[in-house]
Amino acid sequence: MPCVISSPSTDSGKTTLSLLLSCWAFSKGIKIQTFKVGPDYLDQQQLSSIGQPICRNLDILFKW
């Protein structure tokens, strides 16, 4: 089931919420694939460090 976490501005907690949901899923044995859009590379590293498949950046697919 796809889930999109977005907001109209920065510093709204999107990465924190994504990390919490990913950690919860990992603790329950649920495998999820995370994706990210945008230039901030730290979010991608944090989401990849949880133990799930690595976070994929979709910027290549979407040319802003």
PDB file of N, CA and C in Angstrom:
ATOM      1  N   MET A   1       0.847  -1.171   0.000  1.00  0.00           N
ATOM      2  CA  MET A   1       0.000   0.000   0.000  1.00  0.00           C
ATOM      3  C   MET A   1       0.898   1.242   0.000  1.00  0.00           C
ATOM      4  N   PRO A   2       0.825   2.075  -1.020  1.00  0.00           N
ATOM      5  CA  PRO A   2       1.631   3.294  -1.077  1.00  0.00           C
ATOM      6  C   PRO A   2       1.176   4.323  -0.037  1.00  0.00           C
ATOM      7  N   CYS A   3       2.122   5.071   0.458  1.00  0.00           N
ATOM      8  CA  CYS A   3       1.850   6.145   1.412  1.00  0.00           C
ATOM      9  C   CYS A   3       2.756   7.314   1.062  1.00  0.00           C
ATOM     10  N   VAL A   4       2.192   8.493   0.902  1.00  0.00           N
ATOM     11  CA  VAL A   4       2.970   9.688   0.591  1.00  0.00           C
ATOM     12  C   VAL A   4       2.927  10.620   1.793  1.00  0.00           C
ATOM     13  N   ILE A   5       4.099  11.047   2.236  1.00  0.00           N
ATOM     14  CA  ILE A   5       4.200  12.005   3.339  1.00  0.00           C
ATOM     15  C   ILE A   5       4.725  13.297   2.741  1.00  0.00           C
ATOM     16  N   SER A   6       3.925  14.346   2.818  1.00  0.00           N
ATOM     17  CA  SER A   6       4.322  15.620   2.222  1.00  0.00           C
ATOM     18  C   SER A   6       3.840  16.780   3.084  1.00  0.00           C
ATOM     19  N   SER A   7       4.366  17.961   2.773  1.00  0.00           N
ATOM     20  CA  SER A   7       3.917  19.175   3.454  1.00  0.00           C
ATOM     21  C   SER A   7       4.220  20.362   2.547  1.00  0.00           C
ATOM     22  N   PRO A   8       3.577  21.492   2.801  1.00  0.00           N
ATOM     23  CA  PRO A   8       3.805  22.666   1.954  1.00  0.00           C
ATOM     24  C   PRO A   8       5.096  23.422   2.269  1.00  0.00           C
ATOM     25  N   SER A   9       5.800  23.030   3.331  1.00  0.00           N
ATOM     26  CA  SER A   9       7.012  23.776   3.694  1.00  0.00           C
ATOM     27  C   SER A   9       8.067  22.838   4.285  1.00  0.00           C
ATOM     28  N   THR A  10       9.248  23.379   4.470  1.00  0.00           N
ATOM     29  CA  THR A  10      10.331  22.614   5.090  1.00  0.00           C
ATOM     30  C   THR A  10      10.176  22.640   6.608  1.00  0.00           C
ATOM     31  N   ASP A  11      10.992  21.836   7.280  1.00  0.00           N
ATOM     32  CA  ASP A  11      11.005  21.780   8.755  1.00  0.00           C
ATOM     33  C   ASP A  11       9.629  21.478   9.346  1.00  0.00           C
ATOM     34  N   SER A  12       8.909  20.579   8.709  1.00  0.00           N
ATOM     35  CA  SER A  12       7.583  20.234   9.222  1.00  0.00           C
ATOM     36  C   SER A  12       7.536  18.831   9.817  1.00  0.00           C
ATOM     37  N   GLY A  13       8.646  18.079   9.759  1.00  0.00           N
ATOM     38  CA  GLY A  13       8.695  16.762  10.388  1.00  0.00           C
ATOM     39  C   GLY A  13       8.470  15.591   9.456  1.00  0.00           C
ATOM     40  N   LYS A  14       8.574  15.802   8.161  1.00  0.00           N
ATOM     41  CA  LYS A  14       8.355  14.715   7.194  1.00  0.00           C
ATOM     42  C   LYS A  14       9.368  13.589   7.381  1.00  0.00           C
ATOM     43  N   THR A  15      10.633  13.941   7.531  1.00  0.00           N
ATOM     44  CA  THR A  15      11.668  12.919   7.698  1.00  0.00           C
ATOM     45  C   THR A  15      11.510  12.202   9.023  1.00  0.00           C
ATOM     46  N   THR A  16      11.205  12.942  10.078  1.00  0.00           N
ATOM     47  CA  THR A  16      11.009  12.328  11.388  1.00  0.00           C
ATOM     48  C   THR A  16       9.861  11.330  11.345  1.00  0.00           C
ATOM     49  N   LEU A  17       8.751  11.707  10.746  1.00  0.00           N
ATOM     50  CA  LEU A  17       7.616  10.800  10.630  1.00  0.00           C
ATOM     51  C   LEU A  17       7.977   9.583   9.788  1.00  0.00           C
ATOM     52  N   SER A  18       8.695   9.802   8.700  1.00  0.00           N
ATOM     53  CA  SER A  18       9.122   8.690   7.841  1.00  0.00           C
ATOM     54  C   SER A  18      10.031   7.731   8.593  1.00  0.00           C
ATOM     55  N   LEU A  19      10.960   8.289   9.388  1.00  0.00           N
ATOM     56  CA  LEU A  19      11.851   7.451  10.184  1.00  0.00           C
ATOM     57  C   LEU A  19      11.093   6.652  11.235  1.00  0.00           C
ATOM     58  N   LEU A  20      10.147   7.291  11.888  1.00  0.00           N
ATOM     59  CA  LEU A  20       9.358   6.589  12.904  1.00  0.00           C
ATOM     60  C   LEU A  20       8.537   5.455  12.294  1.00  0.00           C
ATOM     61  N   LEU A  21       7.888   5.714  11.176  1.00  0.00           N
ATOM     62  CA  LEU A  21       7.098   4.673  10.518  1.00  0.00           C
ATOM     63  C   LEU A  21       7.983   3.538  10.014  1.00  0.00           C
ATOM     64  N   SER A  22       9.152   3.877   9.488  1.00  0.00           N
ATOM     65  CA  SER A  22      10.070   2.849   8.996  1.00  0.00           C
ATOM     66  C   SER A  22      10.607   1.990  10.137  1.00  0.00           C
ATOM     67  N   CYS A  23      10.964   2.619  11.239  1.00  0.00           N
ATOM     68  CA  CYS A  23      11.440   1.865  12.405  1.00  0.00           C
ATOM     69  C   CYS A  23      10.355   0.965  12.965  1.00  0.00           C
ATOM     70  N   TRP A  24       9.142   1.478  13.025  1.00  0.00           N
ATOM     71  CA  TRP A  24       8.019   0.667  13.502  1.00  0.00           C
ATOM     72  C   TRP A  24       7.808  -0.544  12.605  1.00  0.00           C
ATOM     73  N   ALA A  25       7.825  -0.331  11.297  1.00  0.00           N
ATOM     74  CA  ALA A  25       7.635  -1.440  10.359  1.00  0.00           C
ATOM     75  C   ALA A  25       8.762  -2.459  10.496  1.00  0.00           C
ATOM     76  N   PHE A  26       9.996  -1.996  10.632  1.00  0.00           N
ATOM     77  CA  PHE A  26      11.133  -2.900  10.783  1.00  0.00           C
ATOM     78  C   PHE A  26      11.005  -3.725  12.053  1.00  0.00           C
ATOM     79  N   SER A  27      10.545  -3.102  13.153  1.00  0.00           N
ATOM     80  CA  SER A  27      10.394  -3.830  14.420  1.00  0.00           C
ATOM     81  C   SER A  27       9.299  -4.889  14.349  1.00  0.00           C
ATOM     82  N   LYS A  28       8.329  -4.701  13.458  1.00  0.00           N
ATOM     83  CA  LYS A  28       7.249  -5.668  13.277  1.00  0.00           C
ATOM     84  C   LYS A  28       7.569  -6.702  12.209  1.00  0.00           C
ATOM     85  N   GLY A  29       8.742  -6.584  11.578  1.00  0.00           N
ATOM     86  CA  GLY A  29       9.121  -7.522  10.531  1.00  0.00           C
ATOM     87  C   GLY A  29       8.497  -7.223   9.180  1.00  0.00           C
ATOM     88  N   ILE A  30       8.020  -6.004   9.016  1.00  0.00           N
ATOM     89  CA  ILE A  30       7.400  -5.586   7.758  1.00  0.00           C
ATOM     90  C   ILE A  30       8.464  -4.911   6.903  1.00  0.00           C
ATOM     91  N   LYS A  31       8.657  -5.402   5.692  1.00  0.00           N
ATOM     92  CA  LYS A  31       9.626  -4.784   4.786  1.00  0.00           C
ATOM     93  C   LYS A  31       8.937  -3.690   3.986  1.00  0.00           C
ATOM     94  N   ILE A  32       9.543  -2.509   3.985  1.00  0.00           N
ATOM     95  CA  ILE A  32       9.011  -1.405   3.194  1.00  0.00           C
ATOM     96  C   ILE A  32      10.137  -0.793   2.376  1.00  0.00           C
ATOM     97  N   GLN A  33       9.774  -0.167   1.284  1.00  0.00           N
ATOM     98  CA  GLN A  33      10.734   0.543   0.436  1.00  0.00           C
ATOM     99  C   GLN A  33      10.450   2.033   0.544  1.00  0.00           C
ATOM    100  N   THR A  34      11.448   2.802   0.946  1.00  0.00           N
ATOM    101  CA  THR A  34      11.272   4.248   1.058  1.00  0.00           C
ATOM    102  C   THR A  34      11.839   4.937  -0.179  1.00  0.00           C
ATOM    103  N   PHE A  35      11.228   6.070  -0.516  1.00  0.00           N
ATOM    104  CA  PHE A  35      11.662   6.909  -1.627  1.00  0.00           C
ATOM    105  C   PHE A  35      11.730   8.340  -1.141  1.00  0.00           C
ATOM    106  N   LYS A  36      12.539   9.137  -1.813  1.00  0.00           N
ATOM    107  CA  LYS A  36      12.696  10.533  -1.439  1.00  0.00           C
ATOM    108  C   LYS A  36      12.761  11.396  -2.689  1.00  0.00           C
ATOM    109  N   VAL A  37      12.238  12.596  -2.589  1.00  0.00           N
ATOM    110  CA  VAL A  37      12.336  13.577  -3.663  1.00  0.00           C
ATOM    111  C   VAL A  37      12.927  14.839  -3.058  1.00  0.00           C
ATOM    112  N   GLY A  38      13.942  15.380  -3.686  1.00  0.00           N
ATOM    113  CA  GLY A  38      14.542  16.617  -3.209  1.00  0.00           C
ATOM    114  C   GLY A  38      16.039  16.498  -3.046  1.00  0.00           C
ATOM    115  N   PRO A  39      16.701  17.639  -2.863  1.00  0.00           N
ATOM    116  CA  PRO A  39      18.162  17.677  -2.876  1.00  0.00           C
ATOM    117  C   PRO A  39      18.845  17.256  -1.573  1.00  0.00           C
ATOM    118  N   ASP A  40      18.135  17.158  -0.469  1.00  0.00           N
ATOM    119  CA  ASP A  40      18.772  16.872   0.817  1.00  0.00           C
ATOM    120  C   ASP A  40      19.201  15.401   0.886  1.00  0.00           C
ATOM    121  N   TYR A  41      20.505  15.155   0.872  1.00  0.00           N
ATOM    122  CA  TYR A  41      21.012  13.781   0.863  1.00  0.00           C
ATOM    123  C   TYR A  41      21.000  13.145   2.252  1.00  0.00           C
ATOM    124  N   LEU A  42      20.931  13.930   3.322  1.00  0.00           N
ATOM    125  CA  LEU A  42      20.934  13.363   4.670  1.00  0.00           C
ATOM    126  C   LEU A  42      19.673  12.553   4.949  1.00  0.00           C
ATOM    127  N   ASP A  43      18.529  13.003   4.438  1.00  0.00           N
ATOM    128  CA  ASP A  43      17.290  12.254   4.628  1.00  0.00           C
ATOM    129  C   ASP A  43      17.422  10.856   4.049  1.00  0.00           C
ATOM    130  N   GLN A  44      18.001  10.765   2.880  1.00  0.00           N
ATOM    131  CA  GLN A  44      18.165   9.477   2.216  1.00  0.00           C
ATOM    132  C   GLN A  44      19.096   8.566   3.025  1.00  0.00           C
ATOM    133  N   GLN A  45      20.158   9.117   3.583  1.00  0.00           N
ATOM    134  CA  GLN A  45      21.073   8.322   4.399  1.00  0.00           C
ATOM    135  C   GLN A  45      20.400   7.836   5.675  1.00  0.00           C
ATOM    136  N   GLN A  46      19.612   8.694   6.303  1.00  0.00           N
ATOM    137  CA  GLN A  46      18.931   8.302   7.532  1.00  0.00           C
ATOM    138  C   GLN A  46      17.903   7.211   7.264  1.00  0.00           C
ATOM    139  N   LEU A  47      17.133   7.362   6.203  1.00  0.00           N
ATOM    140  CA  LEU A  47      16.124   6.355   5.884  1.00  0.00           C
ATOM    141  C   LEU A  47      16.753   5.032   5.454  1.00  0.00           C
ATOM    142  N   SER A  48      17.950   5.072   4.908  1.00  0.00           N
ATOM    143  CA  SER A  48      18.641   3.848   4.494  1.00  0.00           C
ATOM    144  C   SER A  48      19.277   3.119   5.671  1.00  0.00           C
ATOM    145  N   SER A  49      19.520   3.821   6.777  1.00  0.00           N
ATOM    146  CA  SER A  49      20.237   3.229   7.907  1.00  0.00           C
ATOM    147  C   SER A  49      19.360   2.361   8.806  1.00  0.00           C
ATOM    148  N   ILE A  50      18.081   2.292   8.562  1.00  0.00           N
ATOM    149  CA  ILE A  50      17.156   1.581   9.443  1.00  0.00           C
ATOM    150  C   ILE A  50      17.285   0.068   9.321  1.00  0.00           C
ATOM    151  N   GLY A  51      17.645  -0.422   8.168  1.00  0.00           N
ATOM    152  CA  GLY A  51      17.749  -1.857   7.969  1.00  0.00           C
ATOM    153  C   GLY A  51      16.822  -2.356   6.882  1.00  0.00           C
ATOM    154  N   GLN A  52      16.004  -1.474   6.388  1.00  0.00           N
ATOM    155  CA  GLN A  52      15.118  -1.790   5.267  1.00  0.00           C
ATOM    156  C   GLN A  52      15.936  -1.689   3.983  1.00  0.00           C
ATOM    157  N   PRO A  53      15.350  -1.998   2.824  1.00  0.00           N
ATOM    158  CA  PRO A  53      16.065  -1.721   1.570  1.00  0.00           C
ATOM    159  C   PRO A  53      16.436  -0.232   1.500  1.00  0.00           C
ATOM    160  N   ILE A  54      17.531   0.082   0.821  1.00  0.00           N
ATOM    161  CA  ILE A  54      18.009   1.464   0.810  1.00  0.00           C
ATOM    162  C   ILE A  54      16.970   2.411   0.210  1.00  0.00           C
ATOM    163  N   CYS A  55      16.965   3.620   0.714  1.00  0.00           N
ATOM    164  CA  CYS A  55      16.049   4.649   0.237  1.00  0.00           C
ATOM    165  C   CYS A  55      16.455   5.069  -1.167  1.00  0.00           C
ATOM    166  N   ARG A  56      15.513   5.145  -2.054  1.00  0.00           N
ATOM    167  CA  ARG A  56      15.770   5.536  -3.444  1.00  0.00           C
ATOM    168  C   ARG A  56      15.351   6.984  -3.653  1.00  0.00           C
ATOM    169  N   ASN A  57      16.165   7.715  -4.397  1.00  0.00           N
ATOM    170  CA  ASN A  57      15.856   9.098  -4.716  1.00  0.00           C
ATOM    171  C   ASN A  57      15.162   9.145  -6.073  1.00  0.00           C
ATOM    172  N   LEU A  58      14.030   9.824  -6.147  1.00  0.00           N
ATOM    173  CA  LEU A  58      13.243   9.891  -7.371  1.00  0.00           C
ATOM    174  C   LEU A  58      13.545  11.126  -8.212  1.00  0.00           C
ATOM    175  N   ASP A  59      14.549  11.910  -7.850  1.00  0.00           N
ATOM    176  CA  ASP A  59      14.861  13.119  -8.605  1.00  0.00           C
ATOM    177  C   ASP A  59      15.233  12.832 -10.052  1.00  0.00           C
ATOM    178  N   ILE A  60      15.821  11.685 -10.317  1.00  0.00           N
ATOM    179  CA  ILE A  60      16.194  11.332 -11.688  1.00  0.00           C
ATOM    180  C   ILE A  60      14.936  11.166 -12.552  1.00  0.00           C
ATOM    181  N   LEU A  61      13.876  10.668 -11.948  1.00  0.00           N
ATOM    182  CA  LEU A  61      12.633  10.440 -12.693  1.00  0.00           C
ATOM    183  C   LEU A  61      11.841  11.713 -12.898  1.00  0.00           C
ATOM    184  N   PHE A  62      11.942  12.645 -11.959  1.00  0.00           N
ATOM    185  CA  PHE A  62      11.190  13.892 -12.024  1.00  0.00           C
ATOM    186  C   PHE A  62      12.149  15.043 -12.213  1.00  0.00           C
ATOM    187  N   LYS A  63      12.115  15.684 -13.349  1.00  0.00           N
ATOM    188  CA  LYS A  63      12.999  16.834 -13.593  1.00  0.00           C
ATOM    189  C   LYS A  63      12.257  18.109 -13.200  1.00  0.00           C
ATOM    190  N   TRP A  64      12.683  18.697 -12.113  1.00  0.00           N
ATOM    191  CA  TRP A  64      12.008  19.881 -11.591  1.00  0.00           C
ATOM    192  C   TRP A  64      12.416  21.042 -12.380  1.00  0.00           C
TER     193      TRP A  64
END
